[in-house]
């Protein structure tokens, strides 16, 4: 696993979705600025935790797909339905 590539690609993906940029949220009384809520990714020696989910060991096929997506420069496919605009 190339952790340097993962970190570099995460920075690139974050910039694509506008990290640090607020968005307009319409409310019944007008509108307000809203910051995107980040989704933490914690890398351990033997696995990862995505968000507040369960620990996923590197040997698990879903974990390998997630990390391969990131190393290929894409948002993890497991997150695309929950976060179609990126996260």
N, C-alpha and C. Protein backbone atom coordinates (compact mmCIF):
# COMPACT_ATOMS: atom_id res chain seq x y z
N UNK A 1 0.86 -1.18 0.00
CA UNK A 1 0.00 0.00 0.00
C UNK A 1 0.89 1.22 0.00
N UNK A 2 0.65 2.11 -0.96
CA UNK A 2 1.45 3.34 -1.08
C UNK A 2 0.73 4.46 -0.32
N UNK A 3 1.10 4.62 0.95
CA UNK A 3 0.44 5.61 1.80
C UNK A 3 0.67 7.03 1.31
N UNK A 4 1.86 7.31 0.76
CA UNK A 4 2.13 8.65 0.24
C UNK A 4 1.19 8.97 -0.93
N UNK A 5 0.97 8.00 -1.80
CA UNK A 5 0.05 8.20 -2.93
C UNK A 5 -1.38 8.39 -2.43
N UNK A 6 -1.77 7.60 -1.43
CA UNK A 6 -3.12 7.74 -0.87
C UNK A 6 -3.32 9.14 -0.32
N UNK A 7 -2.37 9.63 0.48
CA UNK A 7 -2.49 10.98 1.06
C UNK A 7 -2.51 12.06 -0.01
N UNK A 8 -1.66 11.92 -1.03
CA UNK A 8 -1.64 12.89 -2.12
C UNK A 8 -2.96 12.91 -2.87
N UNK A 9 -3.49 11.73 -3.17
CA UNK A 9 -4.75 11.66 -3.91
C UNK A 9 -5.93 12.15 -3.07
N UNK A 10 -5.89 11.92 -1.77
CA UNK A 10 -6.96 12.44 -0.91
C UNK A 10 -6.96 13.96 -0.94
N UNK A 11 -5.78 14.58 -0.92
CA UNK A 11 -5.70 16.04 -1.02
C UNK A 11 -6.29 16.52 -2.34
N UNK A 12 -5.97 15.83 -3.44
CA UNK A 12 -6.51 16.20 -4.75
C UNK A 12 -8.03 16.04 -4.79
N UNK A 13 -8.53 14.93 -4.25
CA UNK A 13 -9.97 14.70 -4.24
C UNK A 13 -10.68 15.74 -3.38
N UNK A 14 -10.09 16.09 -2.25
CA UNK A 14 -10.68 17.12 -1.39
C UNK A 14 -10.78 18.45 -2.12
N UNK A 15 -9.77 18.80 -2.89
CA UNK A 15 -9.82 20.07 -3.61
C UNK A 15 -10.89 20.04 -4.71
N UNK A 16 -11.14 18.87 -5.28
CA UNK A 16 -12.19 18.75 -6.30
C UNK A 16 -13.58 19.05 -5.75
N UNK A 17 -13.83 18.67 -4.51
CA UNK A 17 -15.16 18.88 -3.93
C UNK A 17 -15.25 20.20 -3.18
N UNK A 18 -14.18 21.00 -3.21
CA UNK A 18 -14.25 22.32 -2.61
C UNK A 18 -13.97 22.34 -1.13
N UNK A 19 -12.96 21.64 -0.70
CA UNK A 19 -12.60 21.64 0.71
C UNK A 19 -12.35 23.07 1.18
N UNK A 20 -12.96 23.43 2.30
CA UNK A 20 -12.78 24.76 2.86
C UNK A 20 -13.66 25.83 2.24
N UNK A 21 -14.53 25.43 1.31
CA UNK A 21 -15.43 26.38 0.64
C UNK A 21 -16.85 26.13 1.14
N UNK A 22 -17.52 27.20 1.51
CA UNK A 22 -18.90 27.05 1.99
C UNK A 22 -19.86 26.95 0.81
N UNK A 23 -21.02 26.39 1.07
CA UNK A 23 -22.07 26.27 0.06
C UNK A 23 -23.32 26.98 0.57
N UNK A 24 -24.15 27.39 -0.36
CA UNK A 24 -25.41 28.05 0.02
C UNK A 24 -26.46 27.00 0.29
N UNK A 25 -27.08 27.11 1.46
CA UNK A 25 -28.16 26.21 1.84
C UNK A 25 -29.43 27.04 1.95
N UNK A 26 -30.44 26.70 1.18
CA UNK A 26 -31.70 27.43 1.21
C UNK A 26 -32.52 27.00 2.43
N UNK A 27 -33.09 27.98 3.10
CA UNK A 27 -33.92 27.73 4.28
C UNK A 27 -35.29 28.37 4.04
N UNK A 28 -36.28 28.04 4.86
CA UNK A 28 -37.61 28.64 4.69
C UNK A 28 -37.58 30.17 4.80
N UNK A 29 -36.63 30.73 5.52
CA UNK A 29 -36.57 32.17 5.71
C UNK A 29 -35.50 32.85 4.86
N UNK A 30 -34.89 32.11 3.95
CA UNK A 30 -33.84 32.70 3.12
C UNK A 30 -32.78 31.67 2.78
N UNK A 31 -31.54 32.01 3.13
CA UNK A 31 -30.43 31.11 2.85
C UNK A 31 -29.32 31.36 3.87
N UNK A 32 -28.43 30.40 3.97
CA UNK A 32 -27.28 30.56 4.85
C UNK A 32 -26.11 29.77 4.25
N UNK A 33 -24.92 30.11 4.71
CA UNK A 33 -23.73 29.39 4.26
C UNK A 33 -23.56 28.14 5.11
N UNK A 34 -23.18 27.06 4.45
CA UNK A 34 -22.99 25.78 5.13
C UNK A 34 -21.65 25.20 4.70
N UNK A 35 -20.88 24.73 5.66
CA UNK A 35 -19.60 24.07 5.37
C UNK A 35 -19.86 22.59 5.16
N UNK A 36 -19.14 22.00 4.21
CA UNK A 36 -19.25 20.56 4.01
C UNK A 36 -18.67 19.83 5.21
N UNK A 37 -19.34 18.80 5.66
CA UNK A 37 -18.87 18.01 6.79
C UNK A 37 -17.85 16.99 6.28
N UNK A 38 -16.64 17.00 6.81
CA UNK A 38 -15.62 16.05 6.34
C UNK A 38 -15.93 14.63 6.79
N UNK A 39 -15.41 13.68 6.06
CA UNK A 39 -15.52 12.27 6.42
C UNK A 39 -14.11 11.79 6.75
N UNK A 40 -13.83 11.54 8.02
CA UNK A 40 -12.46 11.16 8.39
C UNK A 40 -12.09 9.77 7.86
N UNK A 41 -10.85 9.65 7.45
CA UNK A 41 -10.27 8.37 7.06
C UNK A 41 -9.04 8.18 7.94
N UNK A 42 -9.07 7.15 8.77
CA UNK A 42 -7.96 6.89 9.68
C UNK A 42 -7.21 5.67 9.18
N UNK A 43 -5.92 5.85 8.93
CA UNK A 43 -5.07 4.77 8.44
C UNK A 43 -4.26 4.20 9.61
N UNK A 44 -4.31 2.89 9.77
CA UNK A 44 -3.55 2.19 10.79
C UNK A 44 -2.56 1.25 10.11
N UNK A 45 -1.70 0.67 10.89
CA UNK A 45 -0.71 -0.26 10.36
C UNK A 45 -1.37 -1.48 9.73
N UNK A 46 -2.52 -1.88 10.27
CA UNK A 46 -3.15 -3.11 9.80
C UNK A 46 -4.57 -2.92 9.25
N UNK A 47 -5.02 -1.67 9.05
CA UNK A 47 -6.35 -1.46 8.51
C UNK A 47 -6.76 0.00 8.54
N UNK A 48 -8.03 0.27 8.23
CA UNK A 48 -8.54 1.63 8.16
C UNK A 48 -9.89 1.73 8.88
N UNK A 49 -10.26 2.96 9.18
CA UNK A 49 -11.61 3.27 9.64
C UNK A 49 -12.09 4.44 8.78
N UNK A 50 -13.25 4.28 8.15
CA UNK A 50 -13.84 5.33 7.32
C UNK A 50 -15.00 5.92 8.11
N UNK A 51 -14.94 7.24 8.33
CA UNK A 51 -15.97 7.90 9.11
C UNK A 51 -15.98 7.39 10.53
N UNK A 52 -17.14 7.05 11.01
CA UNK A 52 -17.28 6.50 12.35
C UNK A 52 -17.65 5.02 12.27
N UNK A 53 -17.24 4.41 11.16
CA UNK A 53 -17.57 3.01 10.92
C UNK A 53 -16.65 2.06 11.65
N UNK A 54 -16.77 0.82 11.29
CA UNK A 54 -16.00 -0.25 11.93
C UNK A 54 -14.59 -0.32 11.34
N UNK A 55 -13.70 -0.90 12.09
CA UNK A 55 -12.34 -1.14 11.63
C UNK A 55 -12.38 -2.13 10.46
N UNK A 56 -11.63 -1.81 9.39
CA UNK A 56 -11.59 -2.66 8.21
C UNK A 56 -10.14 -3.08 7.98
N UNK A 57 -9.81 -4.36 8.17
CA UNK A 57 -8.43 -4.80 7.95
C UNK A 57 -8.06 -4.72 6.47
N UNK A 58 -6.77 -4.49 6.21
CA UNK A 58 -6.30 -4.36 4.83
C UNK A 58 -6.54 -5.63 4.01
N UNK A 59 -6.63 -6.78 4.64
CA UNK A 59 -6.84 -8.03 3.92
C UNK A 59 -8.27 -8.18 3.39
N UNK A 60 -9.20 -7.40 3.91
CA UNK A 60 -10.61 -7.49 3.50
C UNK A 60 -10.74 -6.97 2.07
N UNK A 61 -11.44 -7.68 1.17
CA UNK A 61 -11.58 -7.24 -0.22
C UNK A 61 -12.20 -5.84 -0.37
N UNK A 62 -13.17 -5.50 0.47
CA UNK A 62 -13.80 -4.17 0.37
C UNK A 62 -12.79 -3.07 0.72
N UNK A 63 -11.92 -3.33 1.68
CA UNK A 63 -10.89 -2.37 2.05
C UNK A 63 -9.90 -2.20 0.92
N UNK A 64 -9.51 -3.30 0.30
CA UNK A 64 -8.58 -3.25 -0.82
C UNK A 64 -9.17 -2.47 -1.99
N UNK A 65 -10.48 -2.65 -2.26
CA UNK A 65 -11.14 -1.90 -3.34
C UNK A 65 -11.16 -0.41 -3.01
N UNK A 66 -11.48 -0.08 -1.76
CA UNK A 66 -11.54 1.32 -1.33
C UNK A 66 -10.19 2.00 -1.52
N UNK A 67 -9.13 1.37 -1.05
CA UNK A 67 -7.80 1.96 -1.17
C UNK A 67 -7.33 2.00 -2.61
N UNK A 68 -7.68 0.99 -3.40
CA UNK A 68 -7.29 1.00 -4.82
C UNK A 68 -7.99 2.14 -5.56
N UNK A 69 -9.26 2.38 -5.24
CA UNK A 69 -9.97 3.52 -5.84
C UNK A 69 -9.24 4.82 -5.54
N UNK A 70 -8.84 5.01 -4.29
CA UNK A 70 -8.13 6.23 -3.90
C UNK A 70 -6.79 6.32 -4.61
N UNK A 71 -6.04 5.20 -4.66
CA UNK A 71 -4.73 5.21 -5.32
C UNK A 71 -4.87 5.47 -6.82
N UNK A 72 -6.02 5.10 -7.40
CA UNK A 72 -6.27 5.37 -8.82
C UNK A 72 -6.79 6.79 -9.05
N UNK A 73 -7.01 7.54 -7.96
CA UNK A 73 -7.45 8.93 -8.09
C UNK A 73 -8.95 9.13 -8.10
N UNK A 74 -9.70 8.13 -7.61
CA UNK A 74 -11.16 8.21 -7.60
C UNK A 74 -11.69 8.18 -6.18
N UNK A 75 -12.90 8.72 -6.00
CA UNK A 75 -13.58 8.56 -4.73
C UNK A 75 -13.91 7.08 -4.57
N UNK A 76 -13.81 6.54 -3.37
CA UNK A 76 -14.13 5.12 -3.18
C UNK A 76 -15.56 4.82 -3.63
N UNK A 77 -15.69 3.76 -4.41
CA UNK A 77 -17.00 3.42 -4.96
C UNK A 77 -18.02 3.15 -3.86
N UNK A 78 -17.58 2.68 -2.70
CA UNK A 78 -18.53 2.42 -1.61
C UNK A 78 -19.16 3.70 -1.08
N UNK A 79 -18.55 4.86 -1.34
CA UNK A 79 -19.08 6.13 -0.84
C UNK A 79 -19.87 6.90 -1.89
N UNK A 80 -19.82 6.48 -3.14
CA UNK A 80 -20.42 7.26 -4.22
C UNK A 80 -21.93 7.39 -4.11
N UNK A 81 -22.62 6.37 -3.63
CA UNK A 81 -24.07 6.49 -3.52
C UNK A 81 -24.47 7.39 -2.36
N UNK A 82 -23.75 7.30 -1.24
CA UNK A 82 -24.08 8.14 -0.08
C UNK A 82 -23.66 9.59 -0.29
N UNK A 83 -22.60 9.81 -1.08
CA UNK A 83 -22.06 11.15 -1.29
C UNK A 83 -21.82 11.38 -2.78
N UNK A 84 -22.88 11.57 -3.57
CA UNK A 84 -22.70 11.70 -5.02
C UNK A 84 -21.91 12.93 -5.44
N UNK A 85 -21.85 13.95 -4.60
CA UNK A 85 -21.09 15.16 -4.92
C UNK A 85 -19.67 15.10 -4.36
N UNK A 86 -19.32 13.99 -3.73
CA UNK A 86 -18.02 13.87 -3.10
C UNK A 86 -18.12 14.21 -1.62
N UNK A 87 -17.07 13.87 -0.90
CA UNK A 87 -17.05 14.11 0.54
C UNK A 87 -15.62 14.37 0.98
